[in-house]
Amino acid sequence: QAKTSILEKHNIRPVSTQPPLTQGMLSTARVDVEPGLSEWAQTDDVRGCLSQVQTQSGVLLAKVIVVRGGRVKVLLIGSAMENKRAKLLLELHLSHQLKMQQFYDRRDKRLKVIEARRAKYENASVEEF
């Protein structure tokens, strides 16, 4: 039973220019996230990264999932070509993110060492000339 409604023009979405989806048109792909990025993959920052990958590649979905064993992966849903493009983009993003994460980890360790040395010598006597 069809329901008829009268809508104002601004409430009607434009006709899609995309071809209709057919069975077999979509496939899934999963991309492993390095263990060093598992924490990052649960932050809001990853949403921006996945949104860009989704926009640039054309996949319908790019989402972080946790699989058995607590491993983190990114689920991609789209055509085979879109998934391939998204996978390449995502691997590029993840490799850069891993390098940045390693840099910040080293930086934090060095700052802690500096702070510990500063605290150690803070109460030492100082002789100025």
Foldseek 3Di string as FASTA:
>chain_A
DDDDDDDDPVPDDDDDPDDDDDPPQKDKDKAFAPPLCLVVLPDPVVVVLQVVLCVVLVWPDWHWDQDPPRTIIIMTMGGPRSVVSSNVSVVVVRVVVSVVSVVVVVVVVVVVVVVVVCVVCVPPDDDDD
